[in-house]
């Protein structure tokens, strides 16, 4: 079984295959924010998308976090860990990149999550 969520012309917000949810990279809309603010906005977006897909942050399996400035990683880590409540964390890679499509975009997060059993 495959389900698509939040379809758009160039990607879907998430695709579910059986009990696994593959979530596209998400970035902040308000690019005037610093790393902590952009991370917080993305976490809020993920909360909403996960809820719409019958999942939540406690079911995250993996995260790939792309940042344009690794010197700001600690600001991202603080928001990320506060959001996750620091108990059962997903596997994670933080990857330094030179460009996320706009020089003000500091971070993009792509995740994989389990879906709640019906």
PDB file of N, CA and C in Angstrom:
ATOM      1  N   UNK A   1       0.831  -1.166   0.000  1.00  0.00           N
ATOM      2  CA  UNK A   1       0.000   0.000   0.000  1.00  0.00           C
ATOM      3  C   UNK A   1       0.883   1.240   0.000  1.00  0.00           C
ATOM      4  N   UNK A   2       0.607   2.162  -0.904  1.00  0.00           N
ATOM      5  CA  UNK A   2       1.325   3.434  -0.984  1.00  0.00           C
ATOM      6  C   UNK A   2       0.304   4.565  -0.949  1.00  0.00           C
ATOM      7  N   UNK A   3       0.555   5.554  -0.061  1.00  0.00           N
ATOM      8  CA  UNK A   3      -0.284   6.748   0.031  1.00  0.00           C
ATOM      9  C   UNK A   3       0.612   7.968  -0.118  1.00  0.00           C
ATOM     10  N   UNK A   4       0.076   8.998  -0.782  1.00  0.00           N
ATOM     11  CA  UNK A   4       0.802  10.249  -0.960  1.00  0.00           C
ATOM     12  C   UNK A   4       0.092  11.351  -0.183  1.00  0.00           C
ATOM     13  N   UNK A   5       0.864  12.198   0.499  1.00  0.00           N
ATOM     14  CA  UNK A   5       0.321  13.289   1.298  1.00  0.00           C
ATOM     15  C   UNK A   5       0.887  14.623   0.813  1.00  0.00           C
ATOM     16  N   UNK A   6       0.051  15.641   0.848  1.00  0.00           N
ATOM     17  CA  UNK A   6       0.446  17.004   0.465  1.00  0.00           C
ATOM     18  C   UNK A   6       1.139  17.015  -0.888  1.00  0.00           C
ATOM     19  N   UNK A   7       0.376  16.621  -1.885  1.00  0.00           N
ATOM     20  CA  UNK A   7       0.908  16.565  -3.246  1.00  0.00           C
ATOM     21  C   UNK A   7       1.129  17.971  -3.792  1.00  0.00           C
ATOM     22  N   UNK A   8       2.231  18.121  -4.519  1.00  0.00           N
ATOM     23  CA  UNK A   8       2.490  19.368  -5.235  1.00  0.00           C
ATOM     24  C   UNK A   8       3.076  19.015  -6.595  1.00  0.00           C
ATOM     25  N   UNK A   9       3.359  20.011  -7.374  1.00  0.00           N
ATOM     26  CA  UNK A   9       3.829  19.783  -8.739  1.00  0.00           C
ATOM     27  C   UNK A   9       5.196  19.106  -8.785  1.00  0.00           C
ATOM     28  N   UNK A  10       6.066  19.367  -7.802  1.00  0.00           N
ATOM     29  CA  UNK A  10       7.422  18.828  -7.884  1.00  0.00           C
ATOM     30  C   UNK A  10       7.776  17.831  -6.782  1.00  0.00           C
ATOM     31  N   UNK A  11       6.914  17.646  -5.778  1.00  0.00           N
ATOM     32  CA  UNK A  11       7.170  16.636  -4.751  1.00  0.00           C
ATOM     33  C   UNK A  11       5.918  16.431  -3.910  1.00  0.00           C
ATOM     34  N   UNK A  12       5.941  15.435  -3.066  1.00  0.00           N
ATOM     35  CA  UNK A  12       4.882  15.214  -2.085  1.00  0.00           C
ATOM     36  C   UNK A  12       5.493  15.443  -0.709  1.00  0.00           C
ATOM     37  N   UNK A  13       4.703  15.967   0.210  1.00  0.00           N
ATOM     38  CA  UNK A  13       5.194  16.219   1.560  1.00  0.00           C
ATOM     39  C   UNK A  13       5.625  14.943   2.250  1.00  0.00           C
ATOM     40  N   UNK A  14       4.921  13.857   1.955  1.00  0.00           N
ATOM     41  CA  UNK A  14       5.260  12.557   2.532  1.00  0.00           C
ATOM     42  C   UNK A  14       4.667  11.459   1.663  1.00  0.00           C
ATOM     43  N   UNK A  15       5.313  10.313   1.700  1.00  0.00           N
ATOM     44  CA  UNK A  15       4.813   9.122   1.019  1.00  0.00           C
ATOM     45  C   UNK A  15       4.864   7.977   2.027  1.00  0.00           C
ATOM     46  N   UNK A  16       3.731   7.300   2.181  1.00  0.00           N
ATOM     47  CA  UNK A  16       3.656   6.163   3.085  1.00  0.00           C
ATOM     48  C   UNK A  16       3.702   4.875   2.284  1.00  0.00           C
ATOM     49  N   UNK A  17       4.569   3.963   2.697  1.00  0.00           N
ATOM     50  CA  UNK A  17       4.619   2.616   2.135  1.00  0.00           C
ATOM     51  C   UNK A  17       4.460   1.660   3.304  1.00  0.00           C
ATOM     52  N   UNK A  18       3.362   0.919   3.307  1.00  0.00           N
ATOM     53  CA  UNK A  18       3.024   0.049   4.428  1.00  0.00           C
ATOM     54  C   UNK A  18       3.023   0.868   5.717  1.00  0.00           C
ATOM     55  N   UNK A  19       3.862   0.534   6.690  1.00  0.00           N
ATOM     56  CA  UNK A  19       3.859   1.237   7.974  1.00  0.00           C
ATOM     57  C   UNK A  19       5.008   2.231   8.108  1.00  0.00           C
ATOM     58  N   UNK A  20       5.599   2.621   6.993  1.00  0.00           N
ATOM     59  CA  UNK A  20       6.720   3.557   7.026  1.00  0.00           C
ATOM     60  C   UNK A  20       6.362   4.810   6.244  1.00  0.00           C
ATOM     61  N   UNK A  21       6.700   5.961   6.824  1.00  0.00           N
ATOM     62  CA  UNK A  21       6.394   7.262   6.245  1.00  0.00           C
ATOM     63  C   UNK A  21       7.704   7.948   5.870  1.00  0.00           C
ATOM     64  N   UNK A  22       7.861   8.268   4.600  1.00  0.00           N
ATOM     65  CA  UNK A  22       9.047   8.941   4.084  1.00  0.00           C
ATOM     66  C   UNK A  22       8.681  10.410   3.885  1.00  0.00           C
ATOM     67  N   UNK A  23       9.328  11.292   4.623  1.00  0.00           N
ATOM     68  CA  UNK A  23       8.948  12.700   4.640  1.00  0.00           C
ATOM     69  C   UNK A  23       9.981  13.517   3.879  1.00  0.00           C
ATOM     70  N   UNK A  24       9.503  14.333   2.946  1.00  0.00           N
ATOM     71  CA  UNK A  24      10.380  15.185   2.144  1.00  0.00           C
ATOM     72  C   UNK A  24      11.162  16.147   3.020  1.00  0.00           C
ATOM     73  N   UNK A  25      12.183  16.731   2.434  1.00  0.00           N
ATOM     74  CA  UNK A  25      12.917  17.778   3.136  1.00  0.00           C
ATOM     75  C   UNK A  25      12.020  18.982   3.364  1.00  0.00           C
ATOM     76  N   UNK A  26      12.021  19.488   4.568  1.00  0.00           N
ATOM     77  CA  UNK A  26      11.213  20.660   4.916  1.00  0.00           C
ATOM     78  C   UNK A  26      12.132  21.772   5.379  1.00  0.00           C
ATOM     79  N   UNK A  27      11.780  22.987   4.987  1.00  0.00           N
ATOM     80  CA  UNK A  27      12.546  24.180   5.336  1.00  0.00           C
ATOM     81  C   UNK A  27      11.585  25.230   5.878  1.00  0.00           C
ATOM     82  N   UNK A  28      12.151  26.223   6.527  1.00  0.00           N
ATOM     83  CA  UNK A  28      11.340  27.315   7.069  1.00  0.00           C
ATOM     84  C   UNK A  28      10.857  28.226   5.935  1.00  0.00           C
ATOM     85  N   UNK A  29       9.707  28.832   6.139  1.00  0.00           N
ATOM     86  CA  UNK A  29       9.215  29.856   5.203  1.00  0.00           C
ATOM     87  C   UNK A  29       9.790  31.220   5.565  1.00  0.00           C
ATOM     88  N   UNK A  30       9.909  31.491   6.868  1.00  0.00           N
ATOM     89  CA  UNK A  30      10.425  32.780   7.342  1.00  0.00           C
ATOM     90  C   UNK A  30      11.947  32.712   7.405  1.00  0.00           C
ATOM     91  N   UNK A  31      12.579  33.167   6.338  1.00  0.00           N
ATOM     92  CA  UNK A  31      14.031  33.072   6.235  1.00  0.00           C
ATOM     93  C   UNK A  31      14.752  34.227   6.915  1.00  0.00           C
ATOM     94  N   UNK A  32      14.018  35.100   7.606  1.00  0.00           N
ATOM     95  CA  UNK A  32      14.665  36.145   8.397  1.00  0.00           C
ATOM     96  C   UNK A  32      15.102  35.600   9.752  1.00  0.00           C
ATOM     97  N   UNK A  33      14.651  34.399  10.095  1.00  0.00           N
ATOM     98  CA  UNK A  33      14.988  33.788  11.384  1.00  0.00           C
ATOM     99  C   UNK A  33      16.410  33.238  11.383  1.00  0.00           C
ATOM    100  N   UNK A  34      16.982  33.140  12.592  1.00  0.00           N
ATOM    101  CA  UNK A  34      18.288  32.516  12.752  1.00  0.00           C
ATOM    102  C   UNK A  34      18.131  30.990  12.727  1.00  0.00           C
ATOM    103  N   UNK A  35      19.221  30.272  12.960  1.00  0.00           N
ATOM    104  CA  UNK A  35      19.191  28.803  12.898  1.00  0.00           C
ATOM    105  C   UNK A  35      18.161  28.229  13.869  1.00  0.00           C
ATOM    106  N   UNK A  36      18.138  28.731  15.102  1.00  0.00           N
ATOM    107  CA  UNK A  36      17.180  28.212  16.087  1.00  0.00           C
ATOM    108  C   UNK A  36      15.749  28.459  15.631  1.00  0.00           C
ATOM    109  N   UNK A  37      15.455  29.635  15.133  1.00  0.00           N
ATOM    110  CA  UNK A  37      14.104  29.957  14.679  1.00  0.00           C
ATOM    111  C   UNK A  37      13.674  29.122  13.493  1.00  0.00           C
ATOM    112  N   UNK A  38      14.575  28.949  12.519  1.00  0.00           N
ATOM    113  CA  UNK A  38      14.236  28.122  11.357  1.00  0.00           C
ATOM    114  C   UNK A  38      14.035  26.667  11.776  1.00  0.00           C
ATOM    115  N   UNK A  39      14.864  26.176  12.676  1.00  0.00           N
ATOM    116  CA  UNK A  39      14.708  24.798  13.153  1.00  0.00           C
ATOM    117  C   UNK A  39      13.370  24.631  13.856  1.00  0.00           C
ATOM    118  N   UNK A  40      13.013  25.580  14.707  1.00  0.00           N
ATOM    119  CA  UNK A  40      11.742  25.513  15.444  1.00  0.00           C
ATOM    120  C   UNK A  40      10.562  25.495  14.471  1.00  0.00           C
ATOM    121  N   UNK A  41      10.612  26.351  13.439  1.00  0.00           N
ATOM    122  CA  UNK A  41       9.524  26.387  12.451  1.00  0.00           C
ATOM    123  C   UNK A  41       9.401  25.042  11.728  1.00  0.00           C
ATOM    124  N   UNK A  42      10.523  24.444  11.369  1.00  0.00           N
ATOM    125  CA  UNK A  42      10.486  23.149  10.694  1.00  0.00           C
ATOM    126  C   UNK A  42       9.904  22.084  11.626  1.00  0.00           C
ATOM    127  N   UNK A  43      10.290  22.090  12.884  1.00  0.00           N
ATOM    128  CA  UNK A  43       9.755  21.115  13.839  1.00  0.00           C
ATOM    129  C   UNK A  43       8.242  21.268  13.973  1.00  0.00           C
ATOM    130  N   UNK A  44       7.751  22.503  13.986  1.00  0.00           N
ATOM    131  CA  UNK A  44       6.304  22.734  14.029  1.00  0.00           C
ATOM    132  C   UNK A  44       5.634  22.176  12.777  1.00  0.00           C
ATOM    133  N   UNK A  45       6.261  22.372  11.614  1.00  0.00           N
ATOM    134  CA  UNK A  45       5.719  21.823  10.365  1.00  0.00           C
ATOM    135  C   UNK A  45       5.694  20.302  10.405  1.00  0.00           C
ATOM    136  N   UNK A  46       6.760  19.712  10.939  1.00  0.00           N
ATOM    137  CA  UNK A  46       6.815  18.251  11.039  1.00  0.00           C
ATOM    138  C   UNK A  46       5.738  17.730  11.986  1.00  0.00           C
ATOM    139  N   UNK A  47       5.512  18.415  13.102  1.00  0.00           N
ATOM    140  CA  UNK A  47       4.430  18.010  14.018  1.00  0.00           C
ATOM    141  C   UNK A  47       3.099  17.923  13.273  1.00  0.00           C
ATOM    142  N   UNK A  48       2.785  18.955  12.506  1.00  0.00           N
ATOM    143  CA  UNK A  48       1.507  18.994  11.780  1.00  0.00           C
ATOM    144  C   UNK A  48       1.435  17.906  10.716  1.00  0.00           C
ATOM    145  N   UNK A  49       2.498  17.727   9.952  1.00  0.00           N
ATOM    146  CA  UNK A  49       2.493  16.717   8.890  1.00  0.00           C
ATOM    147  C   UNK A  49       2.419  15.307   9.481  1.00  0.00           C
ATOM    148  N   UNK A  50       3.192  15.044  10.519  1.00  0.00           N
ATOM    149  CA  UNK A  50       3.147  13.728  11.151  1.00  0.00           C
ATOM    150  C   UNK A  50       1.748  13.421  11.668  1.00  0.00           C
ATOM    151  N   UNK A  51       1.101  14.384  12.299  1.00  0.00           N
ATOM    152  CA  UNK A  51      -0.260  14.183  12.809  1.00  0.00           C
ATOM    153  C   UNK A  51      -1.223  13.870  11.673  1.00  0.00           C
ATOM    154  N   UNK A  52      -1.075  14.572  10.557  1.00  0.00           N
ATOM    155  CA  UNK A  52      -1.951  14.342   9.405  1.00  0.00           C
ATOM    156  C   UNK A  52      -1.736  12.966   8.783  1.00  0.00           C
ATOM    157  N   UNK A  53      -0.579  12.368   9.048  1.00  0.00           N
ATOM    158  CA  UNK A  53      -0.226  11.064   8.480  1.00  0.00           C
ATOM    159  C   UNK A  53      -0.312   9.940   9.512  1.00  0.00           C
ATOM    160  N   UNK A  54      -1.009  10.165  10.625  1.00  0.00           N
ATOM    161  CA  UNK A  54      -1.187   9.157  11.672  1.00  0.00           C
ATOM    162  C   UNK A  54       0.146   8.735  12.300  1.00  0.00           C
ATOM    163  N   UNK A  55       0.986   9.728  12.582  1.00  0.00           N
ATOM    164  CA  UNK A  55       2.273   9.480  13.208  1.00  0.00           C
ATOM    165  C   UNK A  55       2.559  10.636  14.164  1.00  0.00           C
ATOM    166  N   UNK A  56       3.709  10.616  14.800  1.00  0.00           N
ATOM    167  CA  UNK A  56       4.159  11.742  15.616  1.00  0.00           C
ATOM    168  C   UNK A  56       5.662  11.627  15.825  1.00  0.00           C
ATOM    169  N   UNK A  57       6.255  12.635  16.448  1.00  0.00           N
ATOM    170  CA  UNK A  57       7.710  12.692  16.579  1.00  0.00           C
ATOM    171  C   UNK A  57       8.293  11.522  17.366  1.00  0.00           C
ATOM    172  N   UNK A  58       7.496  10.898  18.229  1.00  0.00           N
ATOM    173  CA  UNK A  58       8.004   9.740  18.981  1.00  0.00           C
ATOM    174  C   UNK A  58       8.219   8.530  18.076  1.00  0.00           C
ATOM    175  N   UNK A  59       7.668   8.579  16.855  1.00  0.00           N
ATOM    176  CA  UNK A  59       7.794   7.476  15.903  1.00  0.00           C
ATOM    177  C   UNK A  59       8.833   7.740  14.810  1.00  0.00           C
ATOM    178  N   UNK A  60       9.600   8.837  14.963  1.00  0.00           N
ATOM    179  CA  UNK A  60      10.658   9.113  13.989  1.00  0.00           C
ATOM    180  C   UNK A  60      11.714   8.019  14.040  1.00  0.00           C
ATOM    181  N   UNK A  61      12.126   7.569  12.876  1.00  0.00           N
ATOM    182  CA  UNK A  61      13.141   6.530  12.758  1.00  0.00           C
ATOM    183  C   UNK A  61      14.493   7.102  12.332  1.00  0.00           C
ATOM    184  N   UNK A  62      14.450   8.105  11.464  1.00  0.00           N
ATOM    185  CA  UNK A  62      15.673   8.643  10.883  1.00  0.00           C
ATOM    186  C   UNK A  62      15.467  10.105  10.532  1.00  0.00           C
ATOM    187  N   UNK A  63      16.538  10.876  10.634  1.00  0.00           N
ATOM    188  CA  UNK A  63      16.523  12.273  10.188  1.00  0.00           C
ATOM    189  C   UNK A  63      17.819  12.579   9.443  1.00  0.00           C
ATOM    190  N   UNK A  64      17.672  13.318   8.368  1.00  0.00           N
ATOM    191  CA  UNK A  64      18.819  13.866   7.644  1.00  0.00           C
ATOM    192  C   UNK A  64      18.661  15.378   7.721  1.00  0.00           C
ATOM    193  N   UNK A  65      19.629  16.024   8.364  1.00  0.00           N
ATOM    194  CA  UNK A  65      19.555  17.461   8.582  1.00  0.00           C
ATOM    195  C   UNK A  65      20.663  18.116   7.773  1.00  0.00           C
ATOM    196  N   UNK A  66      20.276  18.986   6.865  1.00  0.00           N
ATOM    197  CA  UNK A  66      21.212  19.694   5.996  1.00  0.00           C
ATOM    198  C   UNK A  66      21.356  21.116   6.514  1.00  0.00           C
ATOM    199  N   UNK A  67      22.589  21.533   6.800  1.00  0.00           N
ATOM    200  CA  UNK A  67      22.829  22.883   7.299  1.00  0.00           C
ATOM    201  C   UNK A  67      23.902  23.555   6.444  1.00  0.00           C
ATOM    202  N   UNK A  68      23.750  24.860   6.259  1.00  0.00           N
ATOM    203  CA  UNK A  68      24.698  25.597   5.432  1.00  0.00           C
ATOM    204  C   UNK A  68      25.875  26.147   6.224  1.00  0.00           C
ATOM    205  N   UNK A  69      25.793  26.097   7.548  1.00  0.00           N
ATOM    206  CA  UNK A  69      26.875  26.621   8.386  1.00  0.00           C
ATOM    207  C   UNK A  69      27.016  25.715   9.611  1.00  0.00           C
ATOM    208  N   UNK A  70      27.997  24.824   9.570  1.00  0.00           N
ATOM    209  CA  UNK A  70      28.175  23.867  10.656  1.00  0.00           C
ATOM    210  C   UNK A  70      28.536  24.539  11.980  1.00  0.00           C
ATOM    211  N   UNK A  71      28.989  25.780  11.941  1.00  0.00           N
ATOM    212  CA  UNK A  71      29.280  26.474  13.202  1.00  0.00           C
ATOM    213  C   UNK A  71      27.991  26.789  13.969  1.00  0.00           C
ATOM    214  N   UNK A  72      26.834  26.677  13.299  1.00  0.00           N
ATOM    215  CA  UNK A  72      25.547  26.917  13.947  1.00  0.00           C
ATOM    216  C   UNK A  72      24.856  25.609  14.372  1.00  0.00           C
ATOM    217  N   UNK A  73      25.567  24.508  14.275  1.00  0.00           N
ATOM    218  CA  UNK A  73      24.988  23.204  14.589  1.00  0.00           C
ATOM    219  C   UNK A  73      24.476  23.125  16.021  1.00  0.00           C
ATOM    220  N   UNK A  74      25.175  23.731  16.958  1.00  0.00           N
ATOM    221  CA  UNK A  74      24.747  23.653  18.353  1.00  0.00           C
ATOM    222  C   UNK A  74      23.398  24.347  18.568  1.00  0.00           C
ATOM    223  N   UNK A  75      23.136  25.460  17.880  1.00  0.00           N
ATOM    224  CA  UNK A  75      21.830  26.135  17.984  1.00  0.00           C
ATOM    225  C   UNK A  75      20.726  25.231  17.455  1.00  0.00           C
ATOM    226  N   UNK A  76      21.006  24.529  16.348  1.00  0.00           N
ATOM    227  CA  UNK A  76      20.042  23.570  15.805  1.00  0.00           C
ATOM    228  C   UNK A  76      19.840  22.421  16.784  1.00  0.00           C
ATOM    229  N   UNK A  77      20.930  21.878  17.321  1.00  0.00           N
ATOM    230  CA  UNK A  77      20.847  20.747  18.251  1.00  0.00           C
ATOM    231  C   UNK A  77      19.963  21.061  19.452  1.00  0.00           C
ATOM    232  N   UNK A  78      20.097  22.256  20.011  1.00  0.00           N
ATOM    233  CA  UNK A  78      19.315  22.612  21.193  1.00  0.00           C
ATOM    234  C   UNK A  78      17.825  22.561  20.890  1.00  0.00           C
ATOM    235  N   UNK A  79      17.397  23.177  19.790  1.00  0.00           N
ATOM    236  CA  UNK A  79      15.975  23.168  19.420  1.00  0.00           C
ATOM    237  C   UNK A  79      15.521  21.755  19.090  1.00  0.00           C
ATOM    238  N   UNK A  80      16.308  21.029  18.315  1.00  0.00           N
ATOM    239  CA  UNK A  80      15.979  19.665  17.893  1.00  0.00           C
ATOM    240  C   UNK A  80      15.772  18.760  19.103  1.00  0.00           C
ATOM    241  N   UNK A  81      16.721  18.790  20.047  1.00  0.00           N
ATOM    242  CA  UNK A  81      16.631  17.921  21.221  1.00  0.00           C
ATOM    243  C   UNK A  81      15.500  18.344  22.158  1.00  0.00           C
ATOM    244  N   UNK A  82      15.269  19.649  22.296  1.00  0.00           N
ATOM    245  CA  UNK A  82      14.125  20.117  23.099  1.00  0.00           C
ATOM    246  C   UNK A  82      12.821  19.614  22.489  1.00  0.00           C
ATOM    247  N   UNK A  83      12.714  19.683  21.160  1.00  0.00           N
ATOM    248  CA  UNK A  83      11.498  19.244  20.459  1.00  0.00           C
ATOM    249  C   UNK A  83      11.261  17.754  20.655  1.00  0.00           C
ATOM    250  N   UNK A  84      12.329  16.969  20.593  1.00  0.00           N
ATOM    251  CA  UNK A  84      12.190  15.515  20.700  1.00  0.00           C
ATOM    252  C   UNK A  84      12.072  15.026  22.140  1.00  0.00           C
ATOM    253  N   UNK A  85      12.237  15.882  23.091  1.00  0.00           N
ATOM    254  CA  UNK A  85      12.175  15.527  24.512  1.00  0.00           C
ATOM    255  C   UNK A  85      13.316  14.607  24.925  1.00  0.00           C
ATOM    256  N   UNK A  86      14.268  14.347  24.043  1.00  0.00           N
ATOM    257  CA  UNK A  86      15.492  13.642  24.362  1.00  0.00           C
ATOM    258  C   UNK A  86      15.405  12.225  24.873  1.00  0.00           C
ATOM    259  N   UNK A  87      14.305  11.529  24.655  1.00  0.00           N
ATOM    260  CA  UNK A  87      14.188  10.171  25.197  1.00  0.00           C
ATOM    261  C   UNK A  87      14.589   9.140  24.148  1.00  0.00           C
ATOM    262  N   UNK A  88      13.724   8.843  23.205  1.00  0.00           N
ATOM    263  CA  UNK A  88      14.013   7.882  22.142  1.00  0.00           C
ATOM    264  C   UNK A  88      14.261   8.656  20.856  1.00  0.00           C
ATOM    265  N   UNK A  89      15.523   8.881  20.565  1.00  0.00           N
ATOM    266  CA  UNK A  89      15.888   9.704  19.419  1.00  0.00           C
ATOM    267  C   UNK A  89      15.983   8.860  18.149  1.00  0.00           C
ATOM    268  N   UNK A  90      15.681   9.470  17.000  1.00  0.00           N
ATOM    269  CA  UNK A  90      15.879   8.759  15.735  1.00  0.00           C
ATOM    270  C   UNK A  90      17.369   8.721  15.384  1.00  0.00           C
ATOM    271  N   UNK A  91      17.747   7.849  14.471  1.00  0.00           N
ATOM    272  CA  UNK A  91      19.092   7.938  13.923  1.00  0.00           C
ATOM    273  C   UNK A  91      19.163   9.258  13.173  1.00  0.00           C
ATOM    274  N   UNK A  92      20.388   9.790  13.039  1.00  0.00           N
ATOM    275  CA  UNK A  92      20.474  11.118  12.444  1.00  0.00           C
ATOM    276  C   UNK A  92      21.826  11.328  11.789  1.00  0.00           C
ATOM    277  N   UNK A  93      21.798  12.078  10.698  1.00  0.00           N
ATOM    278  CA  UNK A  93      23.018  12.593  10.091  1.00  0.00           C
ATOM    279  C   UNK A  93      22.826  14.091   9.913  1.00  0.00           C
ATOM    280  N   UNK A  94      23.839  14.859  10.287  1.00  0.00           N
ATOM    281  CA  UNK A  94      23.834  16.293  10.022  1.00  0.00           C
ATOM    282  C   UNK A  94      24.879  16.528   8.947  1.00  0.00           C
ATOM    283  N   UNK A  95      24.446  17.085   7.837  1.00  0.00           N
ATOM    284  CA  UNK A  95      25.281  17.186   6.654  1.00  0.00           C
ATOM    285  C   UNK A  95      25.471  18.655   6.301  1.00  0.00           C
ATOM    286  N   UNK A  96      26.707  19.073   6.199  1.00  0.00           N
ATOM    287  CA  UNK A  96      27.007  20.440   5.790  1.00  0.00           C
ATOM    288  C   UNK A  96      26.883  20.563   4.281  1.00  0.00           C
ATOM    289  N   UNK A  97      26.144  21.573   3.842  1.00  0.00           N
ATOM    290  CA  UNK A  97      25.951  21.824   2.409  1.00  0.00           C
ATOM    291  C   UNK A  97      26.235  23.294   2.128  1.00  0.00           C
ATOM    292  N   UNK A  98      26.530  23.603   0.893  1.00  0.00           N
ATOM    293  CA  UNK A  98      26.852  24.989   0.555  1.00  0.00           C
ATOM    294  C   UNK A  98      25.640  25.791   0.109  1.00  0.00           C
ATOM    295  N   UNK A  99      24.560  25.108  -0.295  1.00  0.00           N
ATOM    296  CA  UNK A  99      23.434  25.844  -0.872  1.00  0.00           C
ATOM    297  C   UNK A  99      22.133  25.080  -0.668  1.00  0.00           C
ATOM    298  N   UNK A 100      21.128  25.768  -0.137  1.00  0.00           N
ATOM    299  CA  UNK A 100      19.784  25.196  -0.004  1.00  0.00           C
ATOM    300  C   UNK A 100      18.767  26.013  -0.804  1.00  0.00           C
ATOM    301  N   UNK A 101      19.232  26.617  -1.894  1.00  0.00           N
ATOM    302  CA  UNK A 101      18.336  27.312  -2.806  1.00  0.00           C
ATOM    303  C   UNK A 101      18.142  28.789  -2.536  1.00  0.00           C
ATOM    304  N   UNK A 102      18.491  29.262  -1.352  1.00  0.00           N
ATOM    305  CA  UNK A 102      18.394  30.677  -0.985  1.00  0.00           C
ATOM    306  C   UNK A 102      19.467  30.900   0.068  1.00  0.00           C
ATOM    307  N   UNK A 103      20.291  31.919  -0.061  1.00  0.00           N
ATOM    308  CA  UNK A 103      21.375  32.104   0.911  1.00  0.00           C
ATOM    309  C   UNK A 103      20.887  32.328   2.347  1.00  0.00           C
ATOM    310  N   UNK A 104      19.635  32.687   2.523  1.00  0.00           N
ATOM    311  CA  UNK A 104      19.078  32.881   3.868  1.00  0.00           C
ATOM    312  C   UNK A 104      18.559  31.571   4.470  1.00  0.00           C
ATOM    313  N   UNK A 105      18.384  30.530   3.641  1.00  0.00           N
ATOM    314  CA  UNK A 105      17.906  29.243   4.133  1.00  0.00           C
ATOM    315  C   UNK A 105      19.078  28.524   4.788  1.00  0.00           C
ATOM    316  N   UNK A 106      18.970  28.291   6.077  1.00  0.00           N
ATOM    317  CA  UNK A 106      20.067  27.740   6.862  1.00  0.00           C
ATOM    318  C   UNK A 106      19.963  26.242   7.098  1.00  0.00           C
ATOM    319  N   UNK A 107      18.754  25.682   6.960  1.00  0.00           N
ATOM    320  CA  UNK A 107      18.540  24.294   7.355  1.00  0.00           C
ATOM    321  C   UNK A 107      17.375  23.683   6.582  1.00  0.00           C
ATOM    322  N   UNK A 108      17.487  22.402   6.305  1.00  0.00           N
ATOM    323  CA  UNK A 108      16.397  21.604   5.738  1.00  0.00           C
ATOM    324  C   UNK A 108      16.456  20.239   6.422  1.00  0.00           C
ATOM    325  N   UNK A 109      15.286  19.701   6.762  1.00  0.00           N
ATOM    326  CA  UNK A 109      15.234  18.424   7.469  1.00  0.00           C
ATOM    327  C   UNK A 109      14.335  17.446   6.724  1.00  0.00           C
ATOM    328  N   UNK A 110      14.871  16.252   6.440  1.00  0.00           N
ATOM    329  CA  UNK A 110      14.106  15.157   5.833  1.00  0.00           C
ATOM    330  C   UNK A 110      14.089  14.007   6.843  1.00  0.00           C
ATOM    331  N   UNK A 111      12.947  13.356   6.982  1.00  0.00           N
ATOM    332  CA  UNK A 111      12.820  12.319   8.003  1.00  0.00           C
ATOM    333  C   UNK A 111      12.110  11.077   7.480  1.00  0.00           C
ATOM    334  N   UNK A 112      12.221  10.013   8.260  1.00  0.00           N
ATOM    335  CA  UNK A 112      11.477   8.765   8.044  1.00  0.00           C
ATOM    336  C   UNK A 112      10.830   8.437   9.388  1.00  0.00           C
ATOM    337  N   UNK A 113       9.561   8.029   9.359  1.00  0.00           N
ATOM    338  CA  UNK A 113       8.853   7.712  10.598  1.00  0.00           C
ATOM    339  C   UNK A 113       7.998   6.472  10.423  1.00  0.00           C
ATOM    340  N   UNK A 114       7.698   5.856  11.530  1.00  0.00           N
ATOM    341  CA  UNK A 114       6.705   4.774  11.544  1.00  0.00           C
ATOM    342  C   UNK A 114       5.316   5.399  11.611  1.00  0.00           C
ATOM    343  N   UNK A 115       4.338   4.648  11.162  1.00  0.00           N
ATOM    344  CA  UNK A 115       2.942   5.074  11.234  1.00  0.00           C
ATOM    345  C   UNK A 115       2.296   4.295  12.369  1.00  0.00           C
ATOM    346  N   UNK A 116       1.450   4.970  13.144  1.00  0.00           N
ATOM    347  CA  UNK A 116       0.749   4.293  14.244  1.00  0.00           C
ATOM    348  C   UNK A 116      -0.072   3.139  13.725  1.00  0.00           C
ATOM    349  N   UNK A 117      -0.106   2.092  14.499  1.00  0.00           N
ATOM    350  CA  UNK A 117      -0.945   0.947  14.150  1.00  0.00           C
ATOM    351  C   UNK A 117      -2.407   1.340  14.258  1.00  0.00           C
ATOM    352  N   UNK A 118      -3.195   0.880  13.317  1.00  0.00           N
ATOM    353  CA  UNK A 118      -4.630   1.237  13.302  1.00  0.00           C
ATOM    354  C   UNK A 118      -5.394   0.586  14.420  1.00  0.00           C
TER     355      UNK A 118
END
